[in-house]
Full PDB file with SEQRES, HELIX, SHEET, SSBOND, CRYST1, ORIGX, SCALE, CONECT and MASTER records, all heavy atoms in Angstrom:
SEQRES   1 A   30  TRP LEU LEU TRP ARG TRP LEU ARG THR PRO PRO GLY ARG          
SEQRES   2 A   30  SER TRP TRP GLN ASN ARG ALA LEU ARG LEU PRO ILE VAL          
SEQRES   3 A   30  GLY PRO LEU LEU                                              
HELIX    1 AA1 LEU A    2  LEU A    7  1                                   6    
HELIX    2 AA2 PRO A   10  ALA A   20  1                                  11    
HELIX    3 AA3 VAL A   26  LEU A   29  1                                   4    
CRYST1    1.000    1.000    1.000  90.00  90.00  90.00 P 1           1          
ORIGX1      1.000000  0.000000  0.000000        0.00000                         
ORIGX2      0.000000  1.000000  0.000000        0.00000                         
ORIGX3      0.000000  0.000000  1.000000        0.00000                         
SCALE1      1.000000  0.000000  0.000000        0.00000                         
SCALE2      0.000000  1.000000  0.000000        0.00000                         
SCALE3      0.000000  0.000000  1.000000        0.00000                         
ATOM      1  N   TRP A   1     173.858 239.892  88.821  1.00  0.00           N  
ATOM      2  CA  TRP A   1     175.293 239.559  88.682  1.00  0.00           C  
ATOM      3  C   TRP A   1     176.170 240.830  88.729  1.00  0.00           C  
ATOM      4  O   TRP A   1     177.225 240.782  89.351  1.00  0.00           O  
ATOM      5  CB  TRP A   1     175.487 238.819  87.312  1.00  0.00           C  
ATOM      6  CG  TRP A   1     176.885 238.455  87.021  1.00  0.00           C  
ATOM      7  CD1 TRP A   1     177.618 237.387  87.572  1.00  0.00           C  
ATOM      8  CD2 TRP A   1     177.809 239.114  86.109  1.00  0.00           C  
ATOM      9  NE1 TRP A   1     178.833 237.382  87.047  1.00  0.00           N  
ATOM     10  CE2 TRP A   1     179.028 238.422  86.169  1.00  0.00           C  
ATOM     11  CE3 TRP A   1     177.683 240.253  85.308  1.00  0.00           C  
ATOM     12  CZ2 TRP A   1     180.123 238.804  85.411  1.00  0.00           C  
ATOM     13  CZ3 TRP A   1     178.808 240.603  84.587  1.00  0.00           C  
ATOM     14  CH2 TRP A   1     179.965 239.897  84.620  1.00  0.00           C  
ATOM     15  N   LEU A   2     175.736 241.905  88.052  1.00  0.00           N  
ATOM     16  CA  LEU A   2     176.506 243.150  88.105  1.00  0.00           C  
ATOM     17  C   LEU A   2     176.572 243.709  89.521  1.00  0.00           C  
ATOM     18  O   LEU A   2     177.631 244.199  89.962  1.00  0.00           O  
ATOM     19  CB  LEU A   2     175.831 244.157  87.164  1.00  0.00           C  
ATOM     20  CG  LEU A   2     175.941 243.877  85.674  1.00  0.00           C  
ATOM     21  CD1 LEU A   2     175.145 244.918  84.836  1.00  0.00           C  
ATOM     22  CD2 LEU A   2     177.395 243.875  85.237  1.00  0.00           C  
ATOM     23  N   LEU A   3     175.437 243.587  90.248  1.00  0.00           N  
ATOM     24  CA  LEU A   3     175.415 244.090  91.657  1.00  0.00           C  
ATOM     25  C   LEU A   3     176.411 243.234  92.506  1.00  0.00           C  
ATOM     26  O   LEU A   3     177.136 243.783  93.322  1.00  0.00           O  
ATOM     27  CB  LEU A   3     174.011 244.020  92.229  1.00  0.00           C  
ATOM     28  CG  LEU A   3     173.857 244.411  93.675  1.00  0.00           C  
ATOM     29  CD1 LEU A   3     174.239 245.859  93.860  1.00  0.00           C  
ATOM     30  CD2 LEU A   3     172.430 244.173  94.139  1.00  0.00           C  
ATOM     31  N   TRP A   4     176.382 241.934  92.301  1.00  0.00           N  
ATOM     32  CA  TRP A   4     177.250 241.030  93.033  1.00  0.00           C  
ATOM     33  C   TRP A   4     178.757 241.384  92.756  1.00  0.00           C  
ATOM     34  O   TRP A   4     179.576 241.424  93.649  1.00  0.00           O  
ATOM     35  CB  TRP A   4     176.908 239.602  92.691  1.00  0.00           C  
ATOM     36  CG  TRP A   4     177.847 238.573  93.375  1.00  0.00           C  
ATOM     37  CD1 TRP A   4     177.820 238.182  94.673  1.00  0.00           C  
ATOM     38  CD2 TRP A   4     178.956 237.873  92.743  1.00  0.00           C  
ATOM     39  NE1 TRP A   4     178.812 237.264  94.880  1.00  0.00           N  
ATOM     40  CE2 TRP A   4     179.498 237.049  93.735  1.00  0.00           C  
ATOM     41  CE3 TRP A   4     179.445 237.859  91.461  1.00  0.00           C  
ATOM     42  CZ2 TRP A   4     180.587 236.204  93.458  1.00  0.00           C  
ATOM     43  CZ3 TRP A   4     180.519 237.012  91.180  1.00  0.00           C  
ATOM     44  CH2 TRP A   4     181.076 236.210  92.181  1.00  0.00           C  
ATOM     45  N   ARG A   5     179.053 241.636  91.436  1.00  0.00           N  
ATOM     46  CA  ARG A   5     180.402 241.959  91.073  1.00  0.00           C  
ATOM     47  C   ARG A   5     180.823 243.332  91.708  1.00  0.00           C  
ATOM     48  O   ARG A   5     181.972 243.479  92.188  1.00  0.00           O  
ATOM     49  CB  ARG A   5     180.555 241.995  89.571  1.00  0.00           C  
ATOM     50  CG  ARG A   5     180.486 240.659  88.869  1.00  0.00           C  
ATOM     51  CD  ARG A   5     181.726 239.862  89.144  1.00  0.00           C  
ATOM     52  NE  ARG A   5     182.935 240.532  88.715  1.00  0.00           N  
ATOM     53  CZ  ARG A   5     183.456 240.441  87.489  1.00  0.00           C  
ATOM     54  NH1 ARG A   5     182.888 239.702  86.586  1.00  0.00           N  
ATOM     55  NH2 ARG A   5     184.598 241.077  87.178  1.00  0.00           N  
ATOM     56  N   TRP A   6     179.891 244.233  91.710  1.00  0.00           N  
ATOM     57  CA  TRP A   6     180.213 245.562  92.264  1.00  0.00           C  
ATOM     58  C   TRP A   6     180.412 245.479  93.749  1.00  0.00           C  
ATOM     59  O   TRP A   6     181.279 246.184  94.300  1.00  0.00           O  
ATOM     60  CB  TRP A   6     179.106 246.556  91.926  1.00  0.00           C  
ATOM     61  CG  TRP A   6     179.354 247.936  92.469  1.00  0.00           C  
ATOM     62  CD1 TRP A   6     180.281 248.826  91.961  1.00  0.00           C  
ATOM     63  CD2 TRP A   6     178.714 248.585  93.549  1.00  0.00           C  
ATOM     64  NE1 TRP A   6     180.269 250.010  92.689  1.00  0.00           N  
ATOM     65  CE2 TRP A   6     179.288 249.881  93.662  1.00  0.00           C  
ATOM     66  CE3 TRP A   6     177.691 248.216  94.398  1.00  0.00           C  
ATOM     67  CZ2 TRP A   6     178.897 250.780  94.610  1.00  0.00           C  
ATOM     68  CZ3 TRP A   6     177.287 249.140  95.376  1.00  0.00           C  
ATOM     69  CH2 TRP A   6     177.900 250.409  95.487  1.00  0.00           C  
ATOM     70  N   LEU A   7     179.609 244.723  94.449  1.00  0.00           N  
ATOM     71  CA  LEU A   7     179.762 244.566  95.910  1.00  0.00           C  
ATOM     72  C   LEU A   7     181.065 243.930  96.297  1.00  0.00           C  
ATOM     73  O   LEU A   7     181.487 244.036  97.446  1.00  0.00           O  
ATOM     74  CB  LEU A   7     178.597 243.735  96.489  1.00  0.00           C  
ATOM     75  CG  LEU A   7     177.237 244.443  96.476  1.00  0.00           C  
ATOM     76  CD1 LEU A   7     176.156 243.484  96.995  1.00  0.00           C  
ATOM     77  CD2 LEU A   7     177.258 245.720  97.289  1.00  0.00           C  
ATOM     78  N   ARG A   8     181.717 243.226  95.362  1.00  0.00           N  
ATOM     79  CA  ARG A   8     183.003 242.632  95.633  1.00  0.00           C  
ATOM     80  C   ARG A   8     184.197 243.617  95.440  1.00  0.00           C  
ATOM     81  O   ARG A   8     185.312 243.314  95.833  1.00  0.00           O  
ATOM     82  CB  ARG A   8     183.238 241.400  94.731  1.00  0.00           C  
ATOM     83  CG  ARG A   8     182.279 240.213  95.120  1.00  0.00           C  
ATOM     84  CD  ARG A   8     182.369 239.151  94.085  1.00  0.00           C  
ATOM     85  NE  ARG A   8     183.719 238.581  93.999  1.00  0.00           N  
ATOM     86  CZ  ARG A   8     184.111 237.519  94.696  1.00  0.00           C  
ATOM     87  NH1 ARG A   8     183.299 236.954  95.558  1.00  0.00           N  
ATOM     88  NH2 ARG A   8     185.330 237.037  94.534  1.00  0.00           N  
ATOM     89  N   THR A   9     183.909 244.798  94.800  1.00  0.00           N  
ATOM     90  CA  THR A   9     184.919 245.788  94.656  1.00  0.00           C  
ATOM     91  C   THR A   9     185.034 246.642  95.962  1.00  0.00           C  
ATOM     92  O   THR A   9     184.104 246.674  96.734  1.00  0.00           O  
ATOM     93  CB  THR A   9     184.555 246.751  93.493  1.00  0.00           C  
ATOM     94  OG1 THR A   9     183.337 247.433  93.777  1.00  0.00           O  
ATOM     95  CG2 THR A   9     184.379 245.931  92.204  1.00  0.00           C  
ATOM     96  N   PRO A  10     186.166 247.262  96.170  1.00  0.00           N  
ATOM     97  CA  PRO A  10     186.328 248.080  97.385  1.00  0.00           C  
ATOM     98  C   PRO A  10     185.196 249.136  97.582  1.00  0.00           C  
ATOM     99  O   PRO A  10     184.675 249.223  98.708  1.00  0.00           O  
ATOM    100  CB  PRO A  10     187.676 248.744  97.220  1.00  0.00           C  
ATOM    101  CG  PRO A  10     188.464 247.785  96.360  1.00  0.00           C  
ATOM    102  CD  PRO A  10     187.454 247.193  95.447  1.00  0.00           C  
ATOM    103  N   PRO A  11     184.855 249.888  96.540  1.00  0.00           N  
ATOM    104  CA  PRO A  11     183.714 250.855  96.761  1.00  0.00           C  
ATOM    105  C   PRO A  11     182.399 250.179  97.117  1.00  0.00           C  
ATOM    106  O   PRO A  11     181.683 250.626  98.039  1.00  0.00           O  
ATOM    107  CB  PRO A  11     183.618 251.629  95.409  1.00  0.00           C  
ATOM    108  CG  PRO A  11     184.942 251.427  94.775  1.00  0.00           C  
ATOM    109  CD  PRO A  11     185.404 250.063  95.203  1.00  0.00           C  
ATOM    110  N   GLY A  12     182.104 249.088  96.395  1.00  0.00           N  
ATOM    111  CA  GLY A  12     180.838 248.398  96.679  1.00  0.00           C  
ATOM    112  C   GLY A  12     180.879 247.754  98.054  1.00  0.00           C  
ATOM    113  O   GLY A  12     179.833 247.756  98.762  1.00  0.00           O  
ATOM    114  N   ARG A  13     182.006 247.147  98.428  1.00  0.00           N  
ATOM    115  CA  ARG A  13     182.104 246.569  99.762  1.00  0.00           C  
ATOM    116  C   ARG A  13     181.915 247.599 100.860  1.00  0.00           C  
ATOM    117  O   ARG A  13     181.282 247.381 101.873  1.00  0.00           O  
ATOM    118  CB  ARG A  13     183.412 245.815  99.896  1.00  0.00           C  
ATOM    119  CG  ARG A  13     183.478 244.922 101.128  1.00  0.00           C  
ATOM    120  CD  ARG A  13     184.869 244.212 101.211  1.00  0.00           C  
ATOM    121  NE  ARG A  13     185.079 243.375 100.019  1.00  0.00           N  
ATOM    122  CZ  ARG A  13     186.040 243.640  99.127  1.00  0.00           C  
ATOM    123  NH1 ARG A  13     186.851 244.677  99.269  1.00  0.00           N  
ATOM    124  NH2 ARG A  13     186.224 242.836  98.101  1.00  0.00           N  
ATOM    125  N   SER A  14     182.542 248.754 100.608  1.00  0.00           N  
ATOM    126  CA  SER A  14     182.421 249.841 101.607  1.00  0.00           C  
ATOM    127  C   SER A  14     181.004 250.325 101.714  1.00  0.00           C  
ATOM    128  O   SER A  14     180.541 250.599 102.839  1.00  0.00           O  
ATOM    129  CB  SER A  14     183.387 250.970 101.201  1.00  0.00           C  
ATOM    130  OG  SER A  14     183.232 252.077 102.119  1.00  0.00           O  
ATOM    131  N   TRP A  15     180.373 250.462 100.580  1.00  0.00           N  
ATOM    132  CA  TRP A  15     178.939 250.921 100.566  1.00  0.00           C  
ATOM    133  C   TRP A  15     178.062 249.953 101.331  1.00  0.00           C  
ATOM    134  O   TRP A  15     177.219 250.391 102.170  1.00  0.00           O  
ATOM    135  CB  TRP A  15     178.456 251.013  99.148  1.00  0.00           C  
ATOM    136  CG  TRP A  15     177.016 251.470  99.020  1.00  0.00           C  
ATOM    137  CD1 TRP A  15     176.517 252.747  98.999  1.00  0.00           C  
ATOM    138  CD2 TRP A  15     175.922 250.591  98.899  1.00  0.00           C  
ATOM    139  NE1 TRP A  15     175.171 252.698  98.894  1.00  0.00           N  
ATOM    140  CE2 TRP A  15     174.726 251.413  98.822  1.00  0.00           C  
ATOM    141  CE3 TRP A  15     175.737 249.220  98.867  1.00  0.00           C  
ATOM    142  CZ2 TRP A  15     173.452 250.857  98.718  1.00  0.00           C  
ATOM    143  CZ3 TRP A  15     174.467 248.668  98.764  1.00  0.00           C  
ATOM    144  CH2 TRP A  15     173.347 249.496  98.706  1.00  0.00           C  
ATOM    145  N   TRP A  16     178.269 248.658 101.085  1.00  0.00           N  
ATOM    146  CA  TRP A  16     177.407 247.668 101.801  1.00  0.00           C  
ATOM    147  C   TRP A  16     177.710 247.608 103.259  1.00  0.00           C  
ATOM    148  O   TRP A  16     176.817 247.546 104.121  1.00  0.00           O  
ATOM    149  CB  TRP A  16     177.611 246.331 101.154  1.00  0.00           C  
ATOM    150  CG  TRP A  16     177.071 245.193 101.957  1.00  0.00           C  
ATOM    151  CD1 TRP A  16     177.770 244.186 102.584  1.00  0.00           C  
ATOM    152  CD2 TRP A  16     175.682 244.944 102.234  1.00  0.00           C  
ATOM    153  NE1 TRP A  16     176.899 243.332 103.267  1.00  0.00           N  
ATOM    154  CE2 TRP A  16     175.624 243.774 103.063  1.00  0.00           C  
ATOM    155  CE3 TRP A  16     174.475 245.565 101.949  1.00  0.00           C  
ATOM    156  CZ2 TRP A  16     174.437 243.256 103.561  1.00  0.00           C  
ATOM    157  CZ3 TRP A  16     173.277 245.049 102.436  1.00  0.00           C  
ATOM    158  CH2 TRP A  16     173.254 243.937 103.180  1.00  0.00           C  
ATOM    159  N   GLN A  17     178.977 247.641 103.650  1.00  0.00           N  
ATOM    160  CA  GLN A  17     179.358 247.539 105.021  1.00  0.00           C  
ATOM    161  C   GLN A  17     178.863 248.736 105.855  1.00  0.00           C  
ATOM    162  O   GLN A  17     178.520 248.585 107.015  1.00  0.00           O  
ATOM    163  CB  GLN A  17     180.910 247.383 105.161  1.00  0.00           C  
ATOM    164  CG  GLN A  17     181.399 246.010 104.691  1.00  0.00           C  
ATOM    165  CD  GLN A  17     182.899 245.912 104.789  1.00  0.00           C  
ATOM    166  OE1 GLN A  17     183.601 246.919 105.026  1.00  0.00           O  
ATOM    167  NE2 GLN A  17     183.410 244.756 104.526  1.00  0.00           N  
ATOM    168  N   ASN A  18     178.861 249.895 105.200  1.00  0.00           N  
ATOM    169  CA  ASN A  18     178.361 251.086 105.935  1.00  0.00           C  
ATOM    170  C   ASN A  18     176.846 251.008 106.221  1.00  0.00           C  
ATOM    171  O   ASN A  18     176.378 251.623 107.160  1.00  0.00           O  
ATOM    172  CB  ASN A  18     178.637 252.373 105.107  1.00  0.00           C  
ATOM    173  CG  ASN A  18     180.122 252.695 105.083  1.00  0.00           C  
ATOM    174  OD1 ASN A  18     180.822 252.354 105.993  1.00  0.00           O  
ATOM    175  ND2 ASN A  18     180.538 253.407 104.053  1.00  0.00           N  
ATOM    176  N   ARG A  19     176.133 250.278 105.411  1.00  0.00           N  
ATOM    177  CA  ARG A  19     174.686 250.172 105.601  1.00  0.00           C  
ATOM    178  C   ARG A  19     174.239 248.894 106.279  1.00  0.00           C  
ATOM    179  O   ARG A  19     173.170 248.840 106.848  1.00  0.00           O  
ATOM    180  CB  ARG A  19     173.998 250.256 104.204  1.00  0.00           C  
ATOM    181  CG  ARG A  19     173.993 251.700 103.683  1.00  0.00           C  
ATOM    182  CD  ARG A  19     173.883 251.748 102.188  1.00  0.00           C  
ATOM    183  NE  ARG A  19     173.904 253.150 101.706  1.00  0.00           N  
ATOM    184  CZ  ARG A  19     174.996 253.844 101.605  1.00  0.00           C  
ATOM    185  NH1 ARG A  19     176.146 253.355 101.911  1.00  0.00           N  
ATOM    186  NH2 ARG A  19     174.934 255.134 101.173  1.00  0.00           N  
ATOM    187  N   ALA A  20     175.090 247.855 106.230  1.00  0.00           N  
ATOM    188  CA  ALA A  20     174.709 246.581 106.806  1.00  0.00           C  
ATOM    189  C   ALA A  20     174.423 246.670 108.258  1.00  0.00           C  
ATOM    190  O   ALA A  20     173.472 246.082 108.796  1.00  0.00           O  
ATOM    191  CB  ALA A  20     175.763 245.508 106.512  1.00  0.00           C  
ATOM    192  N   LEU A  21     175.296 247.400 108.972  1.00  0.00           N  
ATOM    193  CA  LEU A  21     175.158 247.497 110.435  1.00  0.00           C  
ATOM    194  C   LEU A  21     173.924 248.301 110.845  1.00  0.00           C  
ATOM    195  O   LEU A  21     173.519 248.313 111.998  1.00  0.00           O  
ATOM    196  CB  LEU A  21     176.404 248.084 111.074  1.00  0.00           C  
ATOM    197  CG  LEU A  21     177.688 247.310 110.874  1.00  0.00           C  
ATOM    198  CD1 LEU A  21     178.856 247.980 111.587  1.00  0.00           C  
ATOM    199  CD2 LEU A  21     177.550 245.871 111.417  1.00  0.00           C  
ATOM    200  N   ARG A  22     173.348 249.071 109.917  1.00  0.00           N  
ATOM    201  CA  ARG A  22     172.161 249.915 110.216  1.00  0.00           C  
ATOM    202  C   ARG A  22     170.869 249.194 109.917  1.00  0.00           C  
ATOM    203  O   ARG A  22     169.787 249.730 110.187  1.00  0.00           O  
ATOM    204  CB  ARG A  22     172.226 251.208 109.416  1.00  0.00           C  
ATOM    205  CG  ARG A  22     173.451 252.030 109.631  1.00  0.00           C  
ATOM    206  CD  ARG A  22     173.536 253.221 108.698  1.00  0.00           C  
ATOM    207  NE  ARG A  22     174.827 253.851 108.714  1.00  0.00           N  
ATOM    208  CZ  ARG A  22     175.173 254.824 107.838  1.00  0.00           C  
ATOM    209  NH1 ARG A  22     174.338 255.205 106.960  1.00  0.00           N  
ATOM    210  NH2 ARG A  22     176.404 255.345 107.934  1.00  0.00           N  
ATOM    211  N   LEU A  23     170.913 247.999 109.323  1.00  0.00           N  
ATOM    212  CA  LEU A  23     169.716 247.287 108.973  1.00  0.00           C  
ATOM    213  C   LEU A  23     168.983 246.839 110.235  1.00  0.00           C  
ATOM    214  O   LEU A  23     169.600 246.466 111.235  1.00  0.00           O  
ATOM    215  CB  LEU A  23     170.025 246.063 108.116  1.00  0.00           C  
ATOM    216  CG  LEU A  23     170.661 246.260 106.759  1.00  0.00           C  
ATOM    217  CD1 LEU A  23     171.049 244.985 106.143  1.00  0.00           C  
ATOM    218  CD2 LEU A  23     169.629 246.986 105.879  1.00  0.00           C  
ATOM    219  N   PRO A  24     167.659 246.940 110.241  1.00  0.00           N  
ATOM    220  CA  PRO A  24     166.898 246.459 111.389  1.00  0.00           C  
ATOM    221  C   PRO A  24     167.055 244.956 111.590  1.00  0.00           C  
ATOM    222  O   PRO A  24     167.128 244.225 110.599  1.00  0.00           O  
ATOM    223  CB  PRO A  24     165.447 246.823 111.095  1.00  0.00           C  
ATOM    224  CG  PRO A  24     165.399 246.973 109.563  1.00  0.00           C  
ATOM    225  CD  PRO A  24     166.775 247.447 109.192  1.00  0.00           C  
ATOM    226  N   ILE A  25     167.124 244.505 112.776  1.00  0.00           N  
ATOM    227  CA  ILE A  25     167.224 243.078 113.177  1.00  0.00           C  
ATOM    228  C   ILE A  25     168.643 242.520 112.757  1.00  0.00           C  
ATOM    229  O   ILE A  25     169.375 242.043 113.590  1.00  0.00           O  
ATOM    230  CB  ILE A  25     166.115 242.194 112.598  1.00  0.00           C  
ATOM    231  CG1 ILE A  25     164.738 242.778 113.051  1.00  0.00           C  
ATOM    232  CG2 ILE A  25     166.309 240.772 112.968  1.00  0.00           C  
ATOM    233  CD1 ILE A  25     163.585 242.014 112.449  1.00  0.00           C  
ATOM    234  N   VAL A  26     168.938 242.583 111.458  1.00  0.00           N  
ATOM    235  CA  VAL A  26     170.180 241.988 110.942  1.00  0.00           C  
ATOM    236  C   VAL A  26     171.418 242.775 111.428  1.00  0.00           C  
ATOM    237  O   VAL A  26     172.432 242.201 111.776  1.00  0.00           O  
ATOM    238  CB  VAL A  26     170.139 241.933 109.419  1.00  0.00           C  
ATOM    239  CG1 VAL A  26     171.461 241.311 108.892  1.00  0.00           C  
ATOM    240  CG2 VAL A  26     168.982 241.023 109.002  1.00  0.00           C  
ATOM    241  N   GLY A  27     171.317 244.146 111.429  1.00  0.00           N  
ATOM    242  CA  GLY A  27     172.425 244.953 111.753  1.00  0.00           C  
ATOM    243  C   GLY A  27     173.061 244.685 113.098  1.00  0.00           C  
ATOM    244  O   GLY A  27     174.286 244.426 113.193  1.00  0.00           O  
ATOM    245  N   PRO A  28     172.266 244.664 114.191  1.00  0.00           N  
ATOM    246  CA  PRO A  28     172.819 244.328 115.496  1.00  0.00           C  
ATOM    247  C   PRO A  28     173.478 242.946 115.553  1.00  0.00           C  
ATOM    248  O   PRO A  28     174.492 242.770 116.265  1.00  0.00           O  
ATOM    249  CB  PRO A  28     171.605 244.390 116.437  1.00  0.00           C  
ATOM    250  CG  PRO A  28     170.698 245.326 115.732  1.00  0.00           C  
ATOM    251  CD  PRO A  28     170.902 245.056 114.307  1.00  0.00           C  
ATOM    252  N   LEU A  29     172.939 241.988 114.806  1.00  0.00           N  
ATOM    253  CA  LEU A  29     173.540 240.625 114.807  1.00  0.00           C  
ATOM    254  C   LEU A  29     174.872 240.648 114.110  1.00  0.00           C  
ATOM    255  O   LEU A  29     175.862 240.026 114.575  1.00  0.00           O  
ATOM    256  CB  LEU A  29     172.585 239.674 114.117  1.00  0.00           C  
ATOM    257  CG  LEU A  29     171.281 239.343 114.814  1.00  0.00           C  
ATOM    258  CD1 LEU A  29     170.438 238.373 114.012  1.00  0.00           C  
ATOM    259  CD2 LEU A  29     171.575 238.773 116.220  1.00  0.00           C  
ATOM    260  N   LEU A  30     174.977 241.382 112.979  1.00  0.00           N  
ATOM    261  CA  LEU A  30     176.239 241.469 112.301  1.00  0.00           C  
ATOM    262  C   LEU A  30     177.309 242.197 113.201  1.00  0.00           C  
ATOM    263  O   LEU A  30     178.508 241.841 113.239  1.00  0.00           O  
ATOM    264  CB  LEU A  30     176.081 242.236 110.972  1.00  0.00           C  
ATOM    265  CG  LEU A  30     175.321 241.534 109.888  1.00  0.00           C  
ATOM    266  CD1 LEU A  30     175.102 242.471 108.688  1.00  0.00           C  
ATOM    267  CD2 LEU A  30     176.033 240.282 109.440  1.00  0.00           C  
TER     268      LEU A  30                                                      
MASTER        0    0    0    3    0    0    0    6  267    1    0    3          
END                                                                             
């Protein structure tokens, strides 16, 4: 729950978005 809340904040969203596109398989699809 804390991770989910943090990912909804601007810093958390920025952290996830910077790494999401680098994930194998999933990144290119995103």
